Amino acid sequence: MFKKLSLILAALALTCGLAAAQAPLNPPTADAVRDWAGLPPDVTLNSEKVSDAEIAQNVAIWGTPRWMYTYANPAASAATFTVGLFDPGTLWGAKRDLLTNNVQIQNSNGGTDGHIEYRPDGRIAYFTVMGSTASGSTVAGFTFLPRFDILILEKVAAAPVPTAKTPAKSVSEVLLKAEGFLLAQ
Protein backbone atom coordinates (compact mmCIF):
# COMPACT_ATOMS: atom_id res chain seq x y z
CA MET A 1 0.00 0.00 0.00
CA PHE A 2 2.78 2.44 0.99
CA LYS A 3 4.72 1.57 -2.18
CA LYS A 4 1.65 2.19 -4.35
CA LEU A 5 0.99 5.55 -2.68
CA SER A 6 4.64 6.54 -3.17
CA LEU A 7 4.45 5.69 -6.87
CA ILE A 8 1.25 7.71 -7.29
CA LEU A 9 2.76 10.72 -5.50
CA ALA A 10 5.95 10.46 -7.59
CA ALA A 11 3.90 10.33 -10.81
CA LEU A 12 1.83 13.32 -9.68
CA ALA A 13 4.96 15.31 -8.80
CA LEU A 14 6.51 14.50 -12.17
CA THR A 15 3.33 15.50 -14.01
CA CYS A 16 3.09 18.80 -12.11
CA GLY A 17 6.78 19.49 -12.73
CA LEU A 18 6.41 18.89 -16.46
CA ALA A 19 3.31 21.09 -16.62
CA ALA A 20 5.17 23.89 -14.85
CA ALA A 21 8.18 23.54 -17.17
CA GLN A 22 5.94 23.77 -20.23
CA ALA A 23 3.81 26.70 -18.99
CA PRO A 24 3.79 29.54 -21.51
CA LEU A 25 6.05 32.46 -20.74
CA ASN A 26 4.35 35.85 -20.84
CA PRO A 27 5.81 38.84 -22.66
CA PRO A 28 6.84 41.86 -20.62
CA THR A 29 4.56 44.84 -20.23
CA ALA A 30 5.33 48.11 -22.00
CA ASP A 31 6.03 49.72 -18.62
CA ALA A 32 8.57 47.00 -17.78
CA VAL A 33 10.43 47.53 -21.08
CA ARG A 34 10.36 51.31 -20.51
CA ASP A 35 11.88 50.81 -17.06
CA TRP A 36 14.48 48.31 -18.31
CA ALA A 37 15.55 50.83 -20.97
CA GLY A 38 15.93 53.60 -18.41
CA LEU A 39 13.29 55.81 -20.00
CA PRO A 40 11.55 58.27 -17.66
CA PRO A 41 8.20 57.24 -16.11
CA ASP A 42 6.33 59.89 -18.15
CA VAL A 43 7.23 58.02 -21.37
CA THR A 44 4.43 55.74 -22.49
CA LEU A 45 5.42 52.91 -24.81
CA ASN A 46 2.79 51.05 -26.80
CA SER A 47 2.99 47.27 -26.99
CA GLU A 48 2.07 45.48 -30.18
CA LYS A 49 2.39 41.82 -31.10
CA VAL A 50 4.51 41.37 -34.23
CA SER A 51 2.14 40.19 -36.94
CA ASP A 52 2.19 36.67 -38.28
CA ALA A 53 2.81 38.17 -41.74
CA GLU A 54 5.96 39.98 -40.54
CA ILE A 55 7.16 36.88 -38.71
CA ALA A 56 6.60 34.79 -41.86
CA GLN A 57 8.51 37.37 -43.91
CA ASN A 58 11.50 37.17 -41.53
CA VAL A 59 11.40 33.50 -40.51
CA ALA A 60 14.50 32.79 -42.63
CA ILE A 61 16.39 35.35 -40.54
CA TRP A 62 14.98 34.91 -37.03
CA GLY A 63 13.57 31.43 -36.97
CA THR A 64 10.04 30.92 -35.63
CA PRO A 65 9.34 32.68 -32.34
CA ARG A 66 6.85 31.66 -29.68
CA TRP A 67 6.01 35.35 -29.61
CA MET A 68 7.47 38.74 -30.53
CA TYR A 69 6.31 42.14 -29.31
CA THR A 70 7.33 45.65 -30.31
CA TYR A 71 7.37 48.47 -27.79
CA ALA A 72 7.34 51.95 -29.31
CA ASN A 73 6.12 55.52 -29.21
CA PRO A 74 8.07 57.67 -31.71
CA ALA A 75 6.76 60.89 -30.16
CA ALA A 76 8.11 59.96 -26.72
CA SER A 77 11.09 57.64 -27.29
CA ALA A 78 13.90 57.73 -29.83
CA ALA A 79 14.11 53.93 -29.58
CA THR A 80 11.80 51.10 -30.52
CA PHE A 81 12.31 47.76 -28.80
CA THR A 82 11.34 44.31 -29.99
CA VAL A 83 11.40 41.35 -27.60
CA GLY A 84 11.26 37.87 -29.06
CA LEU A 85 11.02 34.51 -27.33
CA PHE A 86 12.08 31.38 -29.23
CA ASP A 87 12.14 27.68 -28.48
CA PRO A 88 15.61 26.60 -27.32
CA GLY A 89 18.05 26.24 -30.21
CA THR A 90 15.80 27.90 -32.82
CA LEU A 91 16.83 31.59 -32.84
CA TRP A 92 18.60 32.42 -36.13
CA GLY A 93 17.78 28.98 -37.57
CA ALA A 94 20.48 27.55 -39.83
CA LYS A 95 22.50 30.81 -39.58
CA ARG A 96 22.94 30.55 -35.81
CA ASP A 97 26.57 29.37 -35.85
CA LEU A 98 27.53 31.84 -38.58
CA LEU A 99 26.08 34.79 -36.66
CA THR A 100 27.50 33.84 -33.26
CA ASN A 101 30.94 33.18 -34.80
CA ASN A 102 30.87 36.56 -36.55
CA VAL A 103 30.03 38.33 -33.28
CA GLN A 104 32.87 36.49 -31.52
CA ILE A 105 35.28 37.55 -34.29
CA GLN A 106 34.09 41.16 -34.01
CA ASN A 107 34.59 40.94 -30.24
CA SER A 108 38.13 39.49 -30.50
CA ASN A 109 39.10 42.13 -33.06
CA GLY A 110 37.97 44.92 -30.74
CA GLY A 111 35.35 45.98 -33.26
CA THR A 112 32.53 48.30 -32.32
CA ASP A 113 29.89 46.43 -34.31
CA GLY A 114 29.74 43.40 -32.03
CA HIS A 115 30.75 42.11 -28.64
CA ILE A 116 30.04 39.29 -26.23
CA GLU A 117 29.44 39.22 -22.50
CA TYR A 118 29.64 36.26 -20.16
CA ARG A 119 26.78 35.73 -17.75
CA PRO A 120 27.48 34.44 -14.20
CA ASP A 121 26.39 30.94 -15.29
CA GLY A 122 29.02 30.94 -18.07
CA ARG A 123 26.50 31.51 -20.86
CA ILE A 124 27.37 34.00 -23.60
CA ALA A 125 25.21 37.00 -24.48
CA TYR A 126 25.82 38.39 -27.97
CA PHE A 127 25.42 41.98 -29.17
CA THR A 128 25.75 43.20 -32.73
CA VAL A 129 24.70 45.97 -35.08
CA MET A 130 22.10 44.44 -37.37
CA GLY A 131 21.83 47.39 -39.69
CA SER A 132 22.32 51.09 -40.09
CA THR A 133 20.46 53.26 -42.57
CA ALA A 134 19.59 56.91 -43.03
CA SER A 135 16.50 56.34 -40.83
CA GLY A 136 18.43 54.82 -37.93
CA SER A 137 20.30 51.80 -36.65
CA THR A 138 19.31 48.48 -35.11
CA VAL A 139 21.28 46.65 -32.44
CA ALA A 140 20.50 43.06 -31.43
CA GLY A 141 21.17 41.43 -28.10
CA PHE A 142 20.51 37.72 -27.74
CA THR A 143 21.31 34.69 -25.68
CA PHE A 144 20.44 31.02 -25.44
CA LEU A 145 19.05 29.44 -22.28
CA PRO A 146 17.96 25.86 -21.62
CA ARG A 147 14.25 26.80 -21.64
CA PHE A 148 14.30 29.40 -24.43
CA ASP A 149 16.29 31.69 -26.70
CA ILE A 150 15.70 35.43 -26.35
CA LEU A 151 16.21 38.32 -28.75
CA ILE A 152 16.12 42.05 -28.03
CA LEU A 153 16.20 44.48 -30.95
CA GLU A 154 16.68 48.19 -30.34
CA LYS A 155 16.09 50.46 -33.30
CA VAL A 156 17.15 54.04 -32.70
CA ALA A 157 15.86 56.74 -35.01
CA ALA A 158 18.56 58.81 -36.72
CA ALA A 159 16.45 61.96 -36.41
CA PRO A 160 14.01 61.45 -33.56
CA VAL A 161 11.19 63.86 -32.76
CA PRO A 162 12.76 66.68 -30.71
CA THR A 163 10.71 65.74 -27.61
CA ALA A 164 11.65 62.04 -27.79
CA LYS A 165 13.74 60.67 -24.93
CA THR A 166 16.82 58.50 -25.46
CA PRO A 167 17.12 55.29 -23.40
CA ALA A 168 19.60 55.59 -20.53
CA LYS A 169 20.29 51.83 -20.49
CA SER A 170 22.16 49.73 -23.03
CA VAL A 171 20.77 46.78 -24.97
CA SER A 172 22.91 44.62 -22.68
CA GLU A 173 21.08 45.91 -19.61
CA VAL A 174 17.68 45.47 -21.29
CA LEU A 175 18.55 41.88 -22.26
CA LEU A 176 19.70 41.08 -18.73
CA LYS A 177 16.42 42.40 -17.29
CA ALA A 178 14.40 40.45 -19.88
CA GLU A 179 16.31 37.25 -19.01
CA GLY A 180 15.53 37.73 -15.31
CA PHE A 181 11.88 38.46 -16.02
CA LEU A 182 11.44 35.33 -18.14
CA LEU A 183 13.46 33.07 -15.83
CA ALA A 184 11.28 34.16 -12.90
CA GLN A 185 8.13 32.82 -14.61
C-alpha atoms as a PDB file:
ATOM      1  CA  MET A   1       0.000   0.000   0.000  1.00  0.00           C
ATOM      2  CA  PHE A   2       2.775   2.438   0.992  1.00  0.00           C
ATOM      3  CA  LYS A   3       4.717   1.568  -2.179  1.00  0.00           C
ATOM      4  CA  LYS A   4       1.645   2.186  -4.352  1.00  0.00           C
ATOM      5  CA  LEU A   5       0.988   5.547  -2.684  1.00  0.00           C
ATOM      6  CA  SER A   6       4.642   6.537  -3.170  1.00  0.00           C
ATOM      7  CA  LEU A   7       4.447   5.691  -6.874  1.00  0.00           C
ATOM      8  CA  ILE A   8       1.247   7.713  -7.291  1.00  0.00           C
ATOM      9  CA  LEU A   9       2.764  10.719  -5.503  1.00  0.00           C
ATOM     10  CA  ALA A  10       5.947  10.465  -7.586  1.00  0.00           C
ATOM     11  CA  ALA A  11       3.903  10.333 -10.806  1.00  0.00           C
ATOM     12  CA  LEU A  12       1.833  13.319  -9.679  1.00  0.00           C
ATOM     13  CA  ALA A  13       4.961  15.310  -8.800  1.00  0.00           C
ATOM     14  CA  LEU A  14       6.514  14.498 -12.172  1.00  0.00           C
ATOM     15  CA  THR A  15       3.329  15.500 -14.011  1.00  0.00           C
ATOM     16  CA  CYS A  16       3.091  18.798 -12.110  1.00  0.00           C
ATOM     17  CA  GLY A  17       6.777  19.494 -12.734  1.00  0.00           C
ATOM     18  CA  LEU A  18       6.406  18.894 -16.463  1.00  0.00           C
ATOM     19  CA  ALA A  19       3.308  21.095 -16.622  1.00  0.00           C
ATOM     20  CA  ALA A  20       5.169  23.894 -14.848  1.00  0.00           C
ATOM     21  CA  ALA A  21       8.177  23.543 -17.174  1.00  0.00           C
ATOM     22  CA  GLN A  22       5.939  23.766 -20.231  1.00  0.00           C
ATOM     23  CA  ALA A  23       3.810  26.697 -18.992  1.00  0.00           C
ATOM     24  CA  PRO A  24       3.787  29.543 -21.505  1.00  0.00           C
ATOM     25  CA  LEU A  25       6.050  32.464 -20.741  1.00  0.00           C
ATOM     26  CA  ASN A  26       4.354  35.853 -20.841  1.00  0.00           C
ATOM     27  CA  PRO A  27       5.814  38.837 -22.665  1.00  0.00           C
ATOM     28  CA  PRO A  28       6.840  41.862 -20.622  1.00  0.00           C
ATOM     29  CA  THR A  29       4.557  44.839 -20.234  1.00  0.00           C
ATOM     30  CA  ALA A  30       5.331  48.107 -22.002  1.00  0.00           C
ATOM     31  CA  ASP A  31       6.034  49.724 -18.616  1.00  0.00           C
ATOM     32  CA  ALA A  32       8.569  46.999 -17.784  1.00  0.00           C
ATOM     33  CA  VAL A  33      10.425  47.531 -21.077  1.00  0.00           C
ATOM     34  CA  ARG A  34      10.364  51.311 -20.509  1.00  0.00           C
ATOM     35  CA  ASP A  35      11.879  50.813 -17.056  1.00  0.00           C
ATOM     36  CA  TRP A  36      14.482  48.306 -18.311  1.00  0.00           C
ATOM     37  CA  ALA A  37      15.547  50.829 -20.970  1.00  0.00           C
ATOM     38  CA  GLY A  38      15.927  53.601 -18.407  1.00  0.00           C
ATOM     39  CA  LEU A  39      13.292  55.810 -19.997  1.00  0.00           C
ATOM     40  CA  PRO A  40      11.546  58.269 -17.660  1.00  0.00           C
ATOM     41  CA  PRO A  41       8.198  57.243 -16.108  1.00  0.00           C
ATOM     42  CA  ASP A  42       6.327  59.890 -18.149  1.00  0.00           C
ATOM     43  CA  VAL A  43       7.229  58.022 -21.373  1.00  0.00           C
ATOM     44  CA  THR A  44       4.432  55.735 -22.488  1.00  0.00           C
ATOM     45  CA  LEU A  45       5.416  52.914 -24.810  1.00  0.00           C
ATOM     46  CA  ASN A  46       2.794  51.054 -26.797  1.00  0.00           C
ATOM     47  CA  SER A  47       2.992  47.271 -26.986  1.00  0.00           C
ATOM     48  CA  GLU A  48       2.066  45.477 -30.182  1.00  0.00           C
ATOM     49  CA  LYS A  49       2.387  41.818 -31.101  1.00  0.00           C
ATOM     50  CA  VAL A  50       4.505  41.372 -34.229  1.00  0.00           C
ATOM     51  CA  SER A  51       2.142  40.193 -36.938  1.00  0.00           C
ATOM     52  CA  ASP A  52       2.188  36.667 -38.277  1.00  0.00           C
ATOM     53  CA  ALA A  53       2.811  38.170 -41.735  1.00  0.00           C
ATOM     54  CA  GLU A  54       5.955  39.977 -40.537  1.00  0.00           C
ATOM     55  CA  ILE A  55       7.161  36.876 -38.711  1.00  0.00           C
ATOM     56  CA  ALA A  56       6.604  34.786 -41.862  1.00  0.00           C
ATOM     57  CA  GLN A  57       8.511  37.370 -43.910  1.00  0.00           C
ATOM     58  CA  ASN A  58      11.497  37.174 -41.527  1.00  0.00           C
ATOM     59  CA  VAL A  59      11.395  33.503 -40.507  1.00  0.00           C
ATOM     60  CA  ALA A  60      14.499  32.788 -42.630  1.00  0.00           C
ATOM     61  CA  ILE A  61      16.389  35.351 -40.542  1.00  0.00           C
ATOM     62  CA  TRP A  62      14.980  34.906 -37.029  1.00  0.00           C
ATOM     63  CA  GLY A  63      13.565  31.428 -36.970  1.00  0.00           C
ATOM     64  CA  THR A  64      10.041  30.921 -35.625  1.00  0.00           C
ATOM     65  CA  PRO A  65       9.340  32.682 -32.339  1.00  0.00           C
ATOM     66  CA  ARG A  66       6.847  31.657 -29.677  1.00  0.00           C
ATOM     67  CA  TRP A  67       6.011  35.354 -29.612  1.00  0.00           C
ATOM     68  CA  MET A  68       7.470  38.744 -30.527  1.00  0.00           C
ATOM     69  CA  TYR A  69       6.308  42.136 -29.311  1.00  0.00           C
ATOM     70  CA  THR A  70       7.327  45.646 -30.313  1.00  0.00           C
ATOM     71  CA  TYR A  71       7.371  48.475 -27.789  1.00  0.00           C
ATOM     72  CA  ALA A  72       7.340  51.947 -29.314  1.00  0.00           C
ATOM     73  CA  ASN A  73       6.115  55.524 -29.205  1.00  0.00           C
ATOM     74  CA  PRO A  74       8.071  57.667 -31.707  1.00  0.00           C
ATOM     75  CA  ALA A  75       6.758  60.890 -30.158  1.00  0.00           C
ATOM     76  CA  ALA A  76       8.106  59.961 -26.719  1.00  0.00           C
ATOM     77  CA  SER A  77      11.086  57.641 -27.293  1.00  0.00           C
ATOM     78  CA  ALA A  78      13.900  57.735 -29.833  1.00  0.00           C
ATOM     79  CA  ALA A  79      14.114  53.935 -29.579  1.00  0.00           C
ATOM     80  CA  THR A  80      11.796  51.102 -30.523  1.00  0.00           C
ATOM     81  CA  PHE A  81      12.314  47.759 -28.804  1.00  0.00           C
ATOM     82  CA  THR A  82      11.339  44.309 -29.986  1.00  0.00           C
ATOM     83  CA  VAL A  83      11.403  41.355 -27.600  1.00  0.00           C
ATOM     84  CA  GLY A  84      11.256  37.866 -29.064  1.00  0.00           C
ATOM     85  CA  LEU A  85      11.020  34.513 -27.332  1.00  0.00           C
ATOM     86  CA  PHE A  86      12.075  31.384 -29.230  1.00  0.00           C
ATOM     87  CA  ASP A  87      12.135  27.681 -28.479  1.00  0.00           C
ATOM     88  CA  PRO A  88      15.611  26.595 -27.324  1.00  0.00           C
ATOM     89  CA  GLY A  89      18.045  26.239 -30.213  1.00  0.00           C
ATOM     90  CA  THR A  90      15.805  27.900 -32.819  1.00  0.00           C
ATOM     91  CA  LEU A  91      16.825  31.588 -32.836  1.00  0.00           C
ATOM     92  CA  TRP A  92      18.602  32.417 -36.130  1.00  0.00           C
ATOM     93  CA  GLY A  93      17.782  28.983 -37.568  1.00  0.00           C
ATOM     94  CA  ALA A  94      20.478  27.546 -39.828  1.00  0.00           C
ATOM     95  CA  LYS A  95      22.495  30.807 -39.578  1.00  0.00           C
ATOM     96  CA  ARG A  96      22.939  30.550 -35.815  1.00  0.00           C
ATOM     97  CA  ASP A  97      26.572  29.372 -35.848  1.00  0.00           C
ATOM     98  CA  LEU A  98      27.535  31.839 -38.577  1.00  0.00           C
ATOM     99  CA  LEU A  99      26.076  34.792 -36.660  1.00  0.00           C
ATOM    100  CA  THR A 100      27.497  33.836 -33.259  1.00  0.00           C
ATOM    101  CA  ASN A 101      30.937  33.181 -34.803  1.00  0.00           C
ATOM    102  CA  ASN A 102      30.871  36.563 -36.549  1.00  0.00           C
ATOM    103  CA  VAL A 103      30.029  38.334 -33.284  1.00  0.00           C
ATOM    104  CA  GLN A 104      32.872  36.491 -31.519  1.00  0.00           C
ATOM    105  CA  ILE A 105      35.282  37.550 -34.290  1.00  0.00           C
ATOM    106  CA  GLN A 106      34.086  41.161 -34.011  1.00  0.00           C
ATOM    107  CA  ASN A 107      34.593  40.936 -30.241  1.00  0.00           C
ATOM    108  CA  SER A 108      38.126  39.489 -30.497  1.00  0.00           C
ATOM    109  CA  ASN A 109      39.105  42.132 -33.062  1.00  0.00           C
ATOM    110  CA  GLY A 110      37.968  44.917 -30.744  1.00  0.00           C
ATOM    111  CA  GLY A 111      35.346  45.982 -33.257  1.00  0.00           C
ATOM    112  CA  THR A 112      32.527  48.296 -32.320  1.00  0.00           C
ATOM    113  CA  ASP A 113      29.886  46.429 -34.311  1.00  0.00           C
ATOM    114  CA  GLY A 114      29.738  43.396 -32.030  1.00  0.00           C
ATOM    115  CA  HIS A 115      30.750  42.114 -28.639  1.00  0.00           C
ATOM    116  CA  ILE A 116      30.036  39.295 -26.227  1.00  0.00           C
ATOM    117  CA  GLU A 117      29.444  39.220 -22.498  1.00  0.00           C
ATOM    118  CA  TYR A 118      29.641  36.260 -20.164  1.00  0.00           C
ATOM    119  CA  ARG A 119      26.781  35.733 -17.745  1.00  0.00           C
ATOM    120  CA  PRO A 120      27.480  34.441 -14.204  1.00  0.00           C
ATOM    121  CA  ASP A 121      26.388  30.936 -15.285  1.00  0.00           C
ATOM    122  CA  GLY A 122      29.016  30.935 -18.075  1.00  0.00           C
ATOM    123  CA  ARG A 123      26.505  31.509 -20.860  1.00  0.00           C
ATOM    124  CA  ILE A 124      27.369  34.004 -23.602  1.00  0.00           C
ATOM    125  CA  ALA A 125      25.211  37.002 -24.479  1.00  0.00           C
ATOM    126  CA  TYR A 126      25.820  38.394 -27.966  1.00  0.00           C
ATOM    127  CA  PHE A 127      25.424  41.984 -29.172  1.00  0.00           C
ATOM    128  CA  THR A 128      25.750  43.196 -32.727  1.00  0.00           C
ATOM    129  CA  VAL A 129      24.701  45.974 -35.075  1.00  0.00           C
ATOM    130  CA  MET A 130      22.099  44.444 -37.374  1.00  0.00           C
ATOM    131  CA  GLY A 131      21.834  47.391 -39.694  1.00  0.00           C
ATOM    132  CA  SER A 132      22.320  51.090 -40.094  1.00  0.00           C
ATOM    133  CA  THR A 133      20.458  53.260 -42.572  1.00  0.00           C
ATOM    134  CA  ALA A 134      19.592  56.912 -43.027  1.00  0.00           C
ATOM    135  CA  SER A 135      16.504  56.345 -40.834  1.00  0.00           C
ATOM    136  CA  GLY A 136      18.432  54.821 -37.928  1.00  0.00           C
ATOM    137  CA  SER A 137      20.296  51.800 -36.654  1.00  0.00           C
ATOM    138  CA  THR A 138      19.315  48.479 -35.111  1.00  0.00           C
ATOM    139  CA  VAL A 139      21.283  46.650 -32.440  1.00  0.00           C
ATOM    140  CA  ALA A 140      20.498  43.064 -31.429  1.00  0.00           C
ATOM    141  CA  GLY A 141      21.170  41.433 -28.099  1.00  0.00           C
ATOM    142  CA  PHE A 142      20.506  37.723 -27.744  1.00  0.00           C
ATOM    143  CA  THR A 143      21.309  34.695 -25.678  1.00  0.00           C
ATOM    144  CA  PHE A 144      20.437  31.024 -25.439  1.00  0.00           C
ATOM    145  CA  LEU A 145      19.053  29.435 -22.279  1.00  0.00           C
ATOM    146  CA  PRO A 146      17.962  25.863 -21.624  1.00  0.00           C
ATOM    147  CA  ARG A 147      14.251  26.796 -21.644  1.00  0.00           C
ATOM    148  CA  PHE A 148      14.300  29.403 -24.428  1.00  0.00           C
ATOM    149  CA  ASP A 149      16.292  31.689 -26.701  1.00  0.00           C
ATOM    150  CA  ILE A 150      15.696  35.426 -26.348  1.00  0.00           C
ATOM    151  CA  LEU A 151      16.215  38.316 -28.750  1.00  0.00           C
ATOM    152  CA  ILE A 152      16.118  42.052 -28.029  1.00  0.00           C
ATOM    153  CA  LEU A 153      16.202  44.481 -30.953  1.00  0.00           C
ATOM    154  CA  GLU A 154      16.683  48.193 -30.337  1.00  0.00           C
ATOM    155  CA  LYS A 155      16.085  50.458 -33.301  1.00  0.00           C
ATOM    156  CA  VAL A 156      17.150  54.039 -32.699  1.00  0.00           C
ATOM    157  CA  ALA A 157      15.858  56.741 -35.013  1.00  0.00           C
ATOM    158  CA  ALA A 158      18.556  58.815 -36.720  1.00  0.00           C
ATOM    159  CA  ALA A 159      16.449  61.961 -36.413  1.00  0.00           C
ATOM    160  CA  PRO A 160      14.007  61.447 -33.563  1.00  0.00           C
ATOM    161  CA  VAL A 161      11.191  63.857 -32.761  1.00  0.00           C
ATOM    162  CA  PRO A 162      12.758  66.685 -30.706  1.00  0.00           C
ATOM    163  CA  THR A 163      10.714  65.741 -27.610  1.00  0.00           C
ATOM    164  CA  ALA A 164      11.649  62.041 -27.793  1.00  0.00           C
ATOM    165  CA  LYS A 165      13.740  60.674 -24.934  1.00  0.00           C
ATOM    166  CA  THR A 166      16.818  58.498 -25.456  1.00  0.00           C
ATOM    167  CA  PRO A 167      17.117  55.292 -23.396  1.00  0.00           C
ATOM    168  CA  ALA A 168      19.599  55.588 -20.531  1.00  0.00           C
ATOM    169  CA  LYS A 169      20.287  51.834 -20.486  1.00  0.00           C
ATOM    170  CA  SER A 170      22.157  49.731 -23.027  1.00  0.00           C
ATOM    171  CA  VAL A 171      20.772  46.777 -24.968  1.00  0.00           C
ATOM    172  CA  SER A 172      22.915  44.619 -22.681  1.00  0.00           C
ATOM    173  CA  GLU A 173      21.080  45.906 -19.615  1.00  0.00           C
ATOM    174  CA  VAL A 174      17.684  45.473 -21.290  1.00  0.00           C
ATOM    175  CA  LEU A 175      18.552  41.882 -22.263  1.00  0.00           C
ATOM    176  CA  LEU A 176      19.704  41.078 -18.726  1.00  0.00           C
ATOM    177  CA  LYS A 177      16.417  42.399 -17.288  1.00  0.00           C
ATOM    178  CA  ALA A 178      14.404  40.448 -19.876  1.00  0.00           C
ATOM    179  CA  GLU A 179      16.306  37.252 -19.008  1.00  0.00           C
ATOM    180  CA  GLY A 180      15.532  37.728 -15.313  1.00  0.00           C
ATOM    181  CA  PHE A 181      11.881  38.464 -16.024  1.00  0.00           C
ATOM    182  CA  LEU A 182      11.436  35.328 -18.136  1.00  0.00           C
ATOM    183  CA  LEU A 183      13.460  33.067 -15.835  1.00  0.00           C
ATOM    184  CA  ALA A 184      11.280  34.159 -12.901  1.00  0.00           C
ATOM    185  CA  GLN A 185       8.132  32.817 -14.611  1.00  0.00           C
END
